[in-house]
Protein backbone atom coordinates (compact mmCIF):
# COMPACT_ATOMS: atom_id res chain seq x y z
CA MET A 1 -28.15 -13.00 -11.57
CA PRO A 2 -25.61 -12.09 -8.93
CA ILE A 3 -22.41 -14.21 -9.04
CA GLY A 4 -21.11 -15.46 -5.58
CA SER A 5 -22.30 -16.85 -2.50
CA ILE A 6 -24.12 -15.56 0.63
CA THR A 7 -21.38 -14.90 3.54
CA ARG A 8 -21.61 -15.01 7.09
CA GLY A 9 -22.19 -11.17 7.08
CA THR A 10 -19.97 -10.57 10.00
CA THR A 11 -19.46 -6.94 10.55
CA GLY A 12 -18.75 -4.43 13.37
CA THR A 13 -18.05 -0.95 14.12
CA ASN A 14 -14.46 0.15 13.15
CA ARG A 15 -13.59 -3.45 11.88
CA LEU A 16 -12.27 -2.15 8.65
CA ARG A 17 -10.68 1.21 9.91
CA ARG A 18 -7.10 0.01 8.98
CA ILE A 19 -7.94 -0.71 5.42
CA ASP A 20 -9.95 2.48 5.00
CA ARG A 21 -7.10 4.46 6.37
CA TRP A 22 -4.90 2.96 3.68
CA ILE A 23 -7.23 3.40 0.95
CA ALA A 24 -7.51 7.05 1.88
CA THR A 25 -3.95 7.56 0.65
CA LEU A 26 -4.58 6.03 -2.78
CA PRO A 27 -3.45 8.45 -5.58
CA VAL A 28 -6.36 7.28 -7.61
CA LEU A 29 -8.66 8.48 -4.99
CA ARG A 30 -7.48 11.93 -5.07
CA ALA A 31 -7.21 12.26 -9.13
CA SER A 32 -10.48 10.60 -10.10
CA ALA A 33 -13.02 12.56 -11.84
CA ASP A 34 -15.66 10.15 -10.40
CA PRO A 35 -14.55 8.93 -6.93
CA LEU A 36 -16.85 6.28 -6.93
CA VAL A 37 -15.93 3.44 -4.27
CA VAL A 38 -17.65 0.00 -3.76
CA ASP A 39 -17.92 -1.73 -0.46
CA LEU A 40 -18.38 -5.46 -1.92
CA GLY A 41 -19.88 -7.83 0.57
CA TYR A 42 -20.46 -5.47 3.40
CA GLY A 43 -22.32 -7.98 5.30
CA ALA A 44 -25.45 -7.84 7.86
CA SER A 45 -25.76 -4.20 8.28
CA ALA A 46 -24.58 -0.78 6.64
CA THR A 47 -21.70 -0.12 9.27
CA THR A 48 -18.93 -0.59 6.99
CA SER A 49 -20.02 1.35 4.19
CA LEU A 50 -21.01 4.30 6.05
CA GLU A 51 -17.90 4.22 7.98
CA LEU A 52 -15.88 4.21 4.56
CA HIS A 53 -17.91 7.12 3.33
CA GLN A 54 -17.11 8.95 6.50
CA ARG A 55 -13.31 8.20 6.24
CA LEU A 56 -12.99 8.83 2.62
CA SER A 57 -14.68 12.14 2.64
CA LYS A 58 -11.90 13.65 4.35
CA THR A 59 -9.83 13.03 1.56
CA ARG A 60 -12.38 13.53 -1.21
CA ALA A 61 -15.60 15.55 -0.06
CA ASP A 62 -17.53 14.31 -3.05
CA VAL A 63 -16.84 10.91 -2.74
CA GLU A 64 -19.84 8.22 -3.41
CA VAL A 65 -19.87 4.86 -1.64
CA ILE A 66 -22.09 1.90 -3.15
CA GLY A 67 -22.30 -1.03 -0.86
CA ILE A 68 -23.22 -4.26 -2.78
CA GLU A 69 -24.66 -7.42 -1.25
CA ILE A 70 -25.87 -10.73 -2.57
CA ASP A 71 -28.44 -11.05 0.04
CA PRO A 72 -31.58 -9.06 -0.72
CA ALA A 73 -32.71 -9.03 2.73
CA ARG A 74 -29.31 -7.04 3.84
CA VAL A 75 -29.92 -4.85 0.79
CA ARG A 76 -33.26 -3.90 1.96
CA LEU A 77 -31.92 -3.51 5.52
CA ALA A 78 -28.93 -1.38 4.65
CA SER A 79 -30.97 0.64 2.32
CA GLN A 80 -32.65 2.14 5.36
CA SER A 81 -29.40 3.85 6.33
CA ALA A 82 -28.71 5.37 3.01
CA LYS A 83 -27.79 9.01 2.75
CA PRO A 84 -26.41 11.30 0.34
CA GLY A 85 -23.10 9.78 -0.97
CA VAL A 86 -24.13 6.24 0.14
CA SER A 87 -26.35 3.87 -1.26
CA PHE A 88 -26.68 0.20 -1.68
CA ARG A 89 -27.42 -2.58 -4.38
CA LEU A 90 -28.01 -6.16 -5.07
CA GLY A 91 -25.14 -8.02 -6.64
CA GLY A 92 -21.94 -9.96 -6.35
CA PHE A 93 -18.49 -10.06 -8.22
CA GLU A 94 -20.06 -8.80 -11.23
CA VAL A 95 -20.15 -5.15 -9.52
CA PRO A 96 -23.19 -3.82 -10.99
CA LEU A 97 -23.16 -0.16 -11.14
CA PRO A 98 -25.59 2.52 -12.53
CA SER A 99 -25.53 3.95 -15.79
CA GLY A 100 -22.58 2.06 -16.97
CA ARG A 101 -20.14 3.85 -14.39
CA GLN A 102 -16.86 2.24 -13.02
CA ALA A 103 -15.32 2.18 -9.62
CA THR A 104 -12.22 3.98 -8.55
CA VAL A 105 -11.75 1.58 -5.79
CA ILE A 106 -13.38 -1.60 -4.84
CA ARG A 107 -12.90 -2.98 -1.25
CA ALA A 108 -13.81 -6.58 -0.76
CA LEU A 109 -12.87 -7.50 2.83
CA ASN A 110 -13.56 -11.02 4.12
CA VAL A 111 -15.57 -12.22 1.11
CA LEU A 112 -13.46 -14.68 -0.71
CA ARG A 113 -12.35 -16.05 2.64
CA GLN A 114 -15.04 -18.76 2.37
CA TYR A 115 -14.36 -19.55 -1.54
CA ASP A 116 -11.59 -22.41 -2.56
CA GLU A 117 -8.25 -20.87 -3.58
CA SER A 118 -9.12 -21.73 -7.29
CA GLN A 119 -11.79 -19.43 -7.35
CA VAL A 120 -9.73 -16.31 -6.37
CA LEU A 121 -8.24 -15.45 -9.60
CA GLU A 122 -11.50 -15.56 -11.76
CA ASN A 123 -13.24 -13.25 -9.47
CA TRP A 124 -10.20 -10.81 -9.20
CA HIS A 125 -10.48 -10.58 -12.84
CA ARG A 126 -14.53 -9.89 -12.52
CA MET A 127 -14.02 -7.19 -10.07
CA VAL A 128 -11.04 -5.55 -12.04
CA ASP A 129 -12.94 -5.32 -15.00
CA ARG A 130 -15.39 -2.89 -13.30
CA LEU A 131 -12.69 -0.33 -12.30
CA GLN A 132 -11.61 2.79 -13.93
CA PRO A 133 -8.70 2.99 -15.69
CA GLY A 134 -5.97 3.13 -12.82
CA GLY A 135 -8.50 1.94 -10.45
CA VAL A 136 -7.65 -0.46 -7.34
CA LEU A 137 -9.41 -3.40 -5.85
CA VAL A 138 -8.25 -4.02 -2.40
CA GLU A 139 -9.17 -7.53 -1.42
CA GLY A 140 -7.96 -9.34 2.16
CA THR A 141 -9.43 -10.32 5.41
CA CYS A 142 -9.03 -9.16 8.96
CA ASN A 143 -10.01 -10.61 12.52
CA GLU A 144 -13.66 -9.76 13.77
CA VAL A 145 -12.17 -6.48 15.80
CA GLY A 146 -10.11 -5.31 12.96
CA ARG A 147 -6.82 -5.56 14.64
CA VAL A 148 -5.28 -8.17 12.44
CA CYS A 149 -5.62 -7.24 8.74
CA SER A 150 -3.70 -8.25 5.60
CA TRP A 151 -4.72 -7.44 1.85
CA VAL A 152 -3.74 -7.33 -1.73
CA ASP A 153 -4.17 -4.42 -4.03
CA VAL A 154 -4.97 -5.47 -7.56
CA THR A 155 -5.11 -3.41 -10.73
CA ALA A 156 -5.64 -4.23 -14.46
CA ASP A 157 -1.87 -5.06 -14.75
CA GLY A 158 -2.49 -7.80 -11.80
CA PRO A 159 -1.69 -7.64 -8.09
CA GLN A 160 0.73 -4.89 -7.32
CA SER A 161 1.41 -5.11 -3.52
CA PHE A 162 0.52 -7.07 -0.11
CA THR A 163 0.00 -5.37 2.83
CA VAL A 164 -0.09 -6.66 6.91
CA SER A 165 -1.55 -4.00 9.45
CA LEU A 166 -1.33 -5.12 12.99
CA ARG A 167 -2.16 -3.41 16.22
CA LEU A 168 1.07 -3.31 17.93
CA ALA A 169 0.19 -2.37 21.42
CA ASP A 170 -0.46 -5.89 22.93
CA LEU A 171 1.33 -7.99 19.72
CA GLU A 172 3.32 -11.06 20.77
CA LYS A 173 4.17 -12.19 17.23
CA PRO A 174 3.32 -10.57 13.81
CA SER A 175 3.04 -14.27 12.88
CA ILE A 176 -0.51 -14.03 14.21
CA VAL A 177 -1.43 -12.70 10.76
CA ALA A 178 -1.03 -16.18 9.25
CA GLU A 179 -4.60 -16.95 10.23
CA ARG A 180 -5.86 -13.84 8.50
CA LEU A 181 -3.98 -13.92 5.20
CA PRO A 182 -5.85 -13.33 1.91
CA LYS A 183 -7.27 -16.53 0.43
CA ILE A 184 -4.87 -16.60 -2.62
CA LEU A 185 -1.99 -16.57 0.35
CA ILE A 186 -3.48 -18.37 3.55
CA HIS A 187 -2.62 -21.82 2.15
CA ARG A 188 0.95 -20.78 1.03
CA ASN A 189 2.35 -20.14 4.75
CA ILE A 190 4.50 -23.20 4.27
CA GLU A 191 8.31 -23.94 3.69
CA GLY A 192 9.42 -23.18 0.37
CA GLU A 193 6.74 -20.05 -0.34
CA ARG A 194 7.57 -16.67 -0.35
CA VAL A 195 4.97 -15.49 1.97
CA HIS A 196 6.26 -17.92 4.48
CA GLU A 197 9.85 -16.43 4.37
CA LEU A 198 8.23 -13.09 5.13
CA ILE A 199 6.22 -13.88 7.92
CA ALA A 200 9.27 -15.80 9.61
CA GLY A 201 11.48 -12.62 8.79
CA LEU A 202 8.69 -10.61 10.73
CA ASP A 203 8.82 -12.74 13.99
CA ARG A 204 12.70 -12.95 13.84
CA HIS A 205 13.11 -9.24 13.64
CA TRP A 206 10.36 -8.54 16.06
CA GLN A 207 12.08 -10.78 18.68
CA TYR A 208 15.55 -9.36 17.96
CA ASN A 209 14.24 -5.70 18.62
CA ALA A 210 12.12 -6.69 21.72
CA ALA A 211 14.49 -4.29 23.77
CA LEU A 212 12.85 -1.37 21.86
CA SER A 213 9.84 -1.91 23.53
CA THR A 214 11.08 0.29 26.08
CA TYR A 215 10.37 3.28 23.60
CA GLY A 216 7.13 1.88 22.40
CA PRO A 217 5.77 -0.75 19.99
CA SER A 218 5.94 1.52 17.21
CA GLN A 219 9.80 1.92 17.42
CA ARG A 220 10.29 -1.82 17.71
CA TRP A 221 7.86 -2.34 14.59
CA ILE A 222 10.00 0.31 12.61
CA ALA A 223 13.15 -1.51 13.61
CA THR A 224 11.61 -4.74 12.57
CA VAL A 225 10.56 -3.26 8.96
CA ARG A 226 14.00 -1.73 8.73
CA GLY A 227 15.29 -5.35 9.34
CA LEU A 228 13.44 -6.75 6.55
CA ILE A 229 14.67 -4.17 4.30
CA ALA A 230 18.25 -4.93 5.32
CA ASP A 231 17.43 -8.56 4.26
CA GLY A 232 16.55 -7.35 0.86
CA TRP A 233 12.72 -7.52 0.99
CA PRO A 234 11.14 -4.72 -1.49
CA VAL A 235 9.56 -2.58 1.33
CA ARG A 236 7.23 0.18 0.56
CA GLY A 237 6.53 3.34 2.33
CA THR A 238 8.06 5.30 4.86
CA ALA A 239 8.14 5.39 8.76
CA SER A 240 5.08 7.24 8.73
CA ARG A 241 3.14 4.43 7.61
CA TRP A 242 5.26 1.67 9.51
CA LYS A 243 4.52 3.14 12.84
CA LEU A 244 0.72 2.27 12.63
CA GLY A 245 1.70 -1.24 12.41
CA GLU A 246 1.76 -1.35 8.55
CA LEU A 247 4.02 -3.39 6.45
CA THR A 248 3.61 -3.20 2.55
CA VAL A 249 5.93 -5.16 0.08
CA ASP A 250 6.08 -5.65 -3.58
CA TRP A 251 3.46 -8.56 -4.58
CA ALA A 252 6.15 -10.09 -6.81
CA SER A 253 8.06 -10.89 -3.31
CA VAL A 254 5.35 -13.01 -2.02
CA GLU A 255 3.62 -14.35 -5.12
CA PRO A 256 2.75 -17.85 -4.87
CA LEU A 257 4.89 -20.47 -6.65
CA GLY A 258 2.98 -21.25 -10.05
CA PHE A 259 0.78 -17.85 -9.92
CA ALA A 260 -0.06 -16.21 -13.20
CA TRP A 261 -2.13 -13.26 -13.64
CA ALA A 262 -3.30 -13.76 -17.18
């Protein structure tokens, strides 16, 4: 039996483009001998799976995407859009794959949002167990149009990093991401938790660098990220990623109090 519950199925064109763009940079995708990517919980249509294949095929022409859904009706509907390199299967967090294959990447966006925080870790472990050596689970959430996103990348060794990705053009405050944090973090945006400190720091530096808006929101965001670095945050990447509205930090810097992977 598939493990999990049926989600609302909300989906839409380009909703997950920010996450797809980030997945395309993962070294494991380039290096894998079997570039199999799972779109877990793709929703009411095949849109996000088809877009994922289109985007990743620019990095790996031989990439294969398998969309997995727990609702049989959604699988039947999506299967009508199957094409070479994209197929659909019934399943849940157990991630059933053909012929004993393992995934290079599992993308699970807006799936765990409906679950209790206490259920996150066990389902992370279930999904990670279906990865190839060096594989990555990308789990998080975004708003309905994909302009406010955040996610955690998880490997066999546990969570590795936390990423925020925002549309900068009309951004008032970075703290808008608080309502779209991954389930493991969304209830931790409170005094004493590290993710709360990060979000507060983002808002503070965003406001401090407001004058740079004259040169465009990307310059303001890059200055904001550099301000965090000066504060001691372990920021990953370079300005080429930051200008896209991204910020990636080590997971340990936002890890919830009491969290344990094992």
